[in-house]
Every structure is written in structure tokens, then in C-alpha cells.
Amino acid sequence: MAATTPQARTVLEQFPAGGPRDSWPAGKYTTAQRTQGASAQVVMDLRTNQFLVVTGTIAQ
């Protein structure tokens, strides 16, 4: 079985998880980034309790 290495990701923006009900700023930001051609997605950072918008692009 071949070992896989995790893909490096670049954090584009961070949003606190405790936002107002029915407010999805991370999702809105992700949609805007995708509209501009970025392969952005939202992930949860449990350590900091934040939503991160990341892209698969390796940071330079």
C-alpha cells in the first residue's frame, strides 16, 4: 500500500465559528473566491474554533 502525503493548503481567510445565526460569511467568501476561479473550500479548525477558507495551492 502506498503512503499518501497531505496536500499543502493556503489559508485565504479566517472566520469565527460563533457568528450570528443563519450568517455564513465563510461560505459567502468561498463562493466569491470560486467565482474568481480559485478552488476554495471551507474547513473547520477545531483547535481555534474558526472556519478557514483554504485553497489547494501551495503557499510560496
PDB file of N, CA and C in Angstrom:
ATOM      1  N   MET A   1       0.841  -1.174   0.000  1.00  0.00           N
ATOM      2  CA  MET A   1       0.000   0.000   0.000  1.00  0.00           C
ATOM      3  C   MET A   1       0.890   1.243   0.000  1.00  0.00           C
ATOM      4  N   ALA A   2       0.605   2.183  -0.860  1.00  0.00           N
ATOM      5  CA  ALA A   2       1.404   3.395  -0.976  1.00  0.00           C
ATOM      6  C   ALA A   2       0.966   4.419   0.061  1.00  0.00           C
ATOM      7  N   ALA A   3       1.919   5.086   0.640  1.00  0.00           N
ATOM      8  CA  ALA A   3       1.623   6.141   1.601  1.00  0.00           C
ATOM      9  C   ALA A   3       1.269   7.416   0.843  1.00  0.00           C
ATOM     10  N   THR A   4       0.348   8.160   1.378  1.00  0.00           N
ATOM     11  CA  THR A   4      -0.018   9.432   0.768  1.00  0.00           C
ATOM     12  C   THR A   4       0.451  10.556   1.665  1.00  0.00           C
ATOM     13  N   THR A   5       0.853  11.646   1.042  1.00  0.00           N
ATOM     14  CA  THR A   5       1.253  12.821   1.807  1.00  0.00           C
ATOM     15  C   THR A   5       0.133  13.839   1.717  1.00  0.00           C
ATOM     16  N   PRO A   6      -0.139  14.542   2.810  1.00  0.00           N
ATOM     17  CA  PRO A   6      -1.203  15.536   2.774  1.00  0.00           C
ATOM     18  C   PRO A   6      -0.834  16.681   1.843  1.00  0.00           C
ATOM     19  N   GLN A   7      -1.833  17.199   1.163  1.00  0.00           N
ATOM     20  CA  GLN A   7      -1.625  18.319   0.249  1.00  0.00           C
ATOM     21  C   GLN A   7      -1.515  19.604   1.070  1.00  0.00           C
ATOM     22  N   ALA A   8      -0.527  20.412   0.774  1.00  0.00           N
ATOM     23  CA  ALA A   8      -0.378  21.697   1.457  1.00  0.00           C
ATOM     24  C   ALA A   8      -1.510  22.622   1.016  1.00  0.00           C
ATOM     25  N   ARG A   9      -2.005  23.382   1.944  1.00  0.00           N
ATOM     26  CA  ARG A   9      -3.094  24.315   1.639  1.00  0.00           C
ATOM     27  C   ARG A   9      -2.732  25.712   2.098  1.00  0.00           C
ATOM     28  N   THR A  10      -3.288  26.679   1.405  1.00  0.00           N
ATOM     29  CA  THR A  10      -3.104  28.070   1.759  1.00  0.00           C
ATOM     30  C   THR A  10      -4.401  28.579   2.373  1.00  0.00           C
ATOM     31  N   VAL A  11      -4.306  29.190   3.556  1.00  0.00           N
ATOM     32  CA  VAL A  11      -5.482  29.781   4.202  1.00  0.00           C
ATOM     33  C   VAL A  11      -5.699  31.161   3.587  1.00  0.00           C
ATOM     34  N   LEU A  12      -6.870  31.345   2.981  1.00  0.00           N
ATOM     35  CA  LEU A  12      -7.195  32.627   2.362  1.00  0.00           C
ATOM     36  C   LEU A  12      -7.812  33.596   3.368  1.00  0.00           C
ATOM     37  N   GLU A  13      -8.630  33.056   4.285  1.00  0.00           N
ATOM     38  CA  GLU A  13      -9.342  33.900   5.248  1.00  0.00           C
ATOM     39  C   GLU A  13      -9.787  33.050   6.417  1.00  0.00           C
ATOM     40  N   GLN A  14     -10.015  33.676   7.577  1.00  0.00           N
ATOM     41  CA  GLN A  14     -10.485  33.001   8.780  1.00  0.00           C
ATOM     42  C   GLN A  14     -11.735  33.703   9.286  1.00  0.00           C
ATOM     43  N   PHE A  15     -12.703  32.904   9.780  1.00  0.00           N
ATOM     44  CA  PHE A  15     -13.943  33.455  10.313  1.00  0.00           C
ATOM     45  C   PHE A  15     -14.267  32.768  11.627  1.00  0.00           C
ATOM     46  N   PRO A  16     -14.665  33.511  12.665  1.00  0.00           N
ATOM     47  CA  PRO A  16     -15.019  32.883  13.939  1.00  0.00           C
ATOM     48  C   PRO A  16     -16.246  31.994  13.776  1.00  0.00           C
ATOM     49  N   ALA A  17     -16.265  30.888  14.502  1.00  0.00           N
ATOM     50  CA  ALA A  17     -17.382  29.951  14.406  1.00  0.00           C
ATOM     51  C   ALA A  17     -18.625  30.461  15.123  1.00  0.00           C
ATOM     52  N   GLY A  18     -18.497  31.419  16.002  1.00  0.00           N
ATOM     53  CA  GLY A  18     -19.633  31.900  16.792  1.00  0.00           C
ATOM     54  C   GLY A  18     -20.375  33.058  16.174  1.00  0.00           C
ATOM     55  N   GLY A  19     -20.542  33.072  14.886  1.00  0.00           N
ATOM     56  CA  GLY A  19     -21.245  34.166  14.226  1.00  0.00           C
ATOM     57  C   GLY A  19     -22.745  34.118  14.454  1.00  0.00           C
ATOM     58  N   PRO A  20     -23.455  35.157  14.038  1.00  0.00           N
ATOM     59  CA  PRO A  20     -24.908  35.197  14.205  1.00  0.00           C
ATOM     60  C   PRO A  20     -25.592  34.037  13.477  1.00  0.00           C
ATOM     61  N   ARG A  21     -26.734  33.608  13.994  1.00  0.00           N
ATOM     62  CA  ARG A  21     -27.497  32.524  13.384  1.00  0.00           C
ATOM     63  C   ARG A  21     -27.846  32.871  11.940  1.00  0.00           C
ATOM     64  N   ASP A  22     -27.746  31.867  11.079  1.00  0.00           N
ATOM     65  CA  ASP A  22     -28.035  32.000   9.642  1.00  0.00           C
ATOM     66  C   ASP A  22     -27.089  32.959   8.921  1.00  0.00           C
ATOM     67  N   SER A  23     -25.939  33.250   9.518  1.00  0.00           N
ATOM     68  CA  SER A  23     -24.922  34.060   8.870  1.00  0.00           C
ATOM     69  C   SER A  23     -23.765  33.139   8.506  1.00  0.00           C
ATOM     70  N   TRP A  24     -23.422  33.075   7.239  1.00  0.00           N
ATOM     71  CA  TRP A  24     -22.389  32.170   6.754  1.00  0.00           C
ATOM     72  C   TRP A  24     -21.310  32.952   6.008  1.00  0.00           C
ATOM     73  N   PRO A  25     -20.547  33.811   6.699  1.00  0.00           N
ATOM     74  CA  PRO A  25     -19.553  34.630   5.996  1.00  0.00           C
ATOM     75  C   PRO A  25     -18.477  33.792   5.310  1.00  0.00           C
ATOM     76  N   ALA A  26     -18.099  32.663   5.894  1.00  0.00           N
ATOM     77  CA  ALA A  26     -17.084  31.814   5.262  1.00  0.00           C
ATOM     78  C   ALA A  26     -17.614  31.236   3.960  1.00  0.00           C
ATOM     79  N   GLY A  27     -18.870  30.831   3.957  1.00  0.00           N
ATOM     80  CA  GLY A  27     -19.478  30.294   2.745  1.00  0.00           C
ATOM     81  C   GLY A  27     -19.607  31.346   1.656  1.00  0.00           C
ATOM     82  N   LYS A  28     -19.983  32.546   2.046  1.00  0.00           N
ATOM     83  CA  LYS A  28     -20.113  33.642   1.075  1.00  0.00           C
ATOM     84  C   LYS A  28     -18.747  33.999   0.484  1.00  0.00           C
ATOM     85  N   TYR A  29     -17.735  34.033   1.340  1.00  0.00           N
ATOM     86  CA  TYR A  29     -16.373  34.344   0.871  1.00  0.00           C
ATOM     87  C   TYR A  29     -15.886  33.257  -0.088  1.00  0.00           C
ATOM     88  N   THR A  30     -16.162  32.001   0.263  1.00  0.00           N
ATOM     89  CA  THR A  30     -15.761  30.878  -0.591  1.00  0.00           C
ATOM     90  C   THR A  30     -16.421  30.974  -1.958  1.00  0.00           C
ATOM     91  N   THR A  31     -17.697  31.282  -1.971  1.00  0.00           N
ATOM     92  CA  THR A  31     -18.423  31.424  -3.240  1.00  0.00           C
ATOM     93  C   THR A  31     -17.800  32.534  -4.088  1.00  0.00           C
ATOM     94  N   ALA A  32     -17.455  33.649  -3.460  1.00  0.00           N
ATOM     95  CA  ALA A  32     -16.827  34.753  -4.192  1.00  0.00           C
ATOM     96  C   ALA A  32     -15.477  34.332  -4.764  1.00  0.00           C
ATOM     97  N   GLN A  33     -14.695  33.578  -3.988  1.00  0.00           N
ATOM     98  CA  GLN A  33     -13.392  33.113  -4.472  1.00  0.00           C
ATOM     99  C   GLN A  33     -13.550  32.143  -5.642  1.00  0.00           C
ATOM    100  N   ARG A  34     -14.540  31.251  -5.550  1.00  0.00           N
ATOM    101  CA  ARG A  34     -14.778  30.301  -6.646  1.00  0.00           C
ATOM    102  C   ARG A  34     -15.223  31.019  -7.912  1.00  0.00           C
ATOM    103  N   THR A  35     -15.991  32.079  -7.753  1.00  0.00           N
ATOM    104  CA  THR A  35     -16.429  32.871  -8.901  1.00  0.00           C
ATOM    105  C   THR A  35     -15.228  33.469  -9.627  1.00  0.00           C
ATOM    106  N   GLN A  36     -14.172  33.768  -8.869  1.00  0.00           N
ATOM    107  CA  GLN A  36     -12.945  34.334  -9.444  1.00  0.00           C
ATOM    108  C   GLN A  36     -11.971  33.256  -9.922  1.00  0.00           C
ATOM    109  N   GLY A  37     -12.374  31.983  -9.812  1.00  0.00           N
ATOM    110  CA  GLY A  37     -11.546  30.905 -10.348  1.00  0.00           C
ATOM    111  C   GLY A  37     -10.703  30.146  -9.332  1.00  0.00           C
ATOM    112  N   ALA A  38     -10.764  30.506  -8.060  1.00  0.00           N
ATOM    113  CA  ALA A  38      -9.981  29.803  -7.034  1.00  0.00           C
ATOM    114  C   ALA A  38     -10.702  28.514  -6.642  1.00  0.00           C
ATOM    115  N   SER A  39      -9.936  27.503  -6.275  1.00  0.00           N
ATOM    116  CA  SER A  39     -10.536  26.240  -5.822  1.00  0.00           C
ATOM    117  C   SER A  39     -10.644  26.265  -4.298  1.00  0.00           C
ATOM    118  N   ALA A  40     -11.430  27.204  -3.787  1.00  0.00           N
ATOM    119  CA  ALA A  40     -11.552  27.418  -2.348  1.00  0.00           C
ATOM    120  C   ALA A  40     -12.592  26.490  -1.736  1.00  0.00           C
ATOM    121  N   GLN A  41     -12.355  26.144  -0.462  1.00  0.00           N
ATOM    122  CA  GLN A  41     -13.337  25.372   0.299  1.00  0.00           C
ATOM    123  C   GLN A  41     -13.242  25.782   1.765  1.00  0.00           C
ATOM    124  N   VAL A  42     -14.304  25.502   2.523  1.00  0.00           N
ATOM    125  CA  VAL A  42     -14.353  25.829   3.943  1.00  0.00           C
ATOM    126  C   VAL A  42     -13.997  24.586   4.747  1.00  0.00           C
ATOM    127  N   VAL A  43     -13.124  24.762   5.727  1.00  0.00           N
ATOM    128  CA  VAL A  43     -12.792  23.696   6.672  1.00  0.00           C
ATOM    129  C   VAL A  43     -12.892  24.277   8.082  1.00  0.00           C
ATOM    130  N   MET A  44     -13.113  23.393   9.054  1.00  0.00           N
ATOM    131  CA  MET A  44     -13.209  23.823  10.440  1.00  0.00           C
ATOM    132  C   MET A  44     -11.897  23.535  11.152  1.00  0.00           C
ATOM    133  N   ASP A  45     -11.354  24.547  11.820  1.00  0.00           N
ATOM    134  CA  ASP A  45     -10.170  24.366  12.652  1.00  0.00           C
ATOM    135  C   ASP A  45     -10.666  24.232  14.089  1.00  0.00           C
ATOM    136  N   LEU A  46     -10.722  23.004  14.579  1.00  0.00           N
ATOM    137  CA  LEU A  46     -11.253  22.758  15.916  1.00  0.00           C
ATOM    138  C   LEU A  46     -10.377  23.355  17.013  1.00  0.00           C
ATOM    139  N   ARG A  47      -9.094  23.426  16.767  1.00  0.00           N
ATOM    140  CA  ARG A  47      -8.176  23.971  17.770  1.00  0.00           C
ATOM    141  C   ARG A  47      -8.478  25.435  18.067  1.00  0.00           C
ATOM    142  N   THR A  48      -8.765  26.222  17.018  1.00  0.00           N
ATOM    143  CA  THR A  48      -9.017  27.655  17.192  1.00  0.00           C
ATOM    144  C   THR A  48     -10.500  28.019  17.133  1.00  0.00           C
ATOM    145  N   ASN A  49     -11.369  27.033  16.868  1.00  0.00           N
ATOM    146  CA  ASN A  49     -12.811  27.250  16.748  1.00  0.00           C
ATOM    147  C   ASN A  49     -13.128  28.305  15.685  1.00  0.00           C
ATOM    148  N   GLN A  50     -12.506  28.127  14.516  1.00  0.00           N
ATOM    149  CA  GLN A  50     -12.720  29.037  13.398  1.00  0.00           C
ATOM    150  C   GLN A  50     -12.967  28.245  12.120  1.00  0.00           C
ATOM    151  N   PHE A  51     -13.709  28.871  11.220  1.00  0.00           N
ATOM    152  CA  PHE A  51     -13.837  28.342   9.870  1.00  0.00           C
ATOM    153  C   PHE A  51     -12.721  28.957   9.042  1.00  0.00           C
ATOM    154  N   LEU A  52     -12.027  28.127   8.294  1.00  0.00           N
ATOM    155  CA  LEU A  52     -10.950  28.584   7.429  1.00  0.00           C
ATOM    156  C   LEU A  52     -11.359  28.388   5.976  1.00  0.00           C
ATOM    157  N   VAL A  53     -11.124  29.381   5.166  1.00  0.00           N
ATOM    158  CA  VAL A  53     -11.306  29.238   3.729  1.00  0.00           C
ATOM    159  C   VAL A  53      -9.930  28.931   3.175  1.00  0.00           C
ATOM    160  N   VAL A  54      -9.793  27.755   2.567  1.00  0.00           N
ATOM    161  CA  VAL A  54      -8.488  27.303   2.085  1.00  0.00           C
ATOM    162  C   VAL A  54      -8.549  26.995   0.604  1.00  0.00           C
ATOM    163  N   THR A  55      -7.363  26.990   0.005  1.00  0.00           N
ATOM    164  CA  THR A  55      -7.221  26.566  -1.375  1.00  0.00           C
ATOM    165  C   THR A  55      -6.109  25.521  -1.411  1.00  0.00           C
ATOM    166  N   GLY A  56      -6.174  24.648  -2.385  1.00  0.00           N
ATOM    167  CA  GLY A  56      -5.173  23.580  -2.503  1.00  0.00           C
ATOM    168  C   GLY A  56      -3.841  24.072  -2.998  1.00  0.00           C
ATOM    169  N   THR A  57      -3.729  25.326  -3.326  1.00  0.00           N
ATOM    170  CA  THR A  57      -2.477  25.884  -3.827  1.00  0.00           C
ATOM    171  C   THR A  57      -1.434  25.935  -2.723  1.00  0.00           C
ATOM    172  N   ILE A  58      -0.245  25.502  -3.022  1.00  0.00           N
ATOM    173  CA  ILE A  58       0.839  25.529  -2.038  1.00  0.00           C
ATOM    174  C   ILE A  58       1.359  26.957  -1.886  1.00  0.00           C
ATOM    175  N   ALA A  59       1.495  27.389  -0.644  1.00  0.00           N
ATOM    176  CA  ALA A  59       1.998  28.744  -0.368  1.00  0.00           C
ATOM    177  C   ALA A  59       3.456  28.848  -0.814  1.00  0.00           C
ATOM    178  N   GLN A  60       3.811  29.954  -1.408  1.00  0.00           N
ATOM    179  CA  GLN A  60       5.180  30.186  -1.867  1.00  0.00           C
ATOM    180  C   GLN A  60       5.980  30.920  -0.810  1.00  0.00           C
TER     181      GLN A  60
END
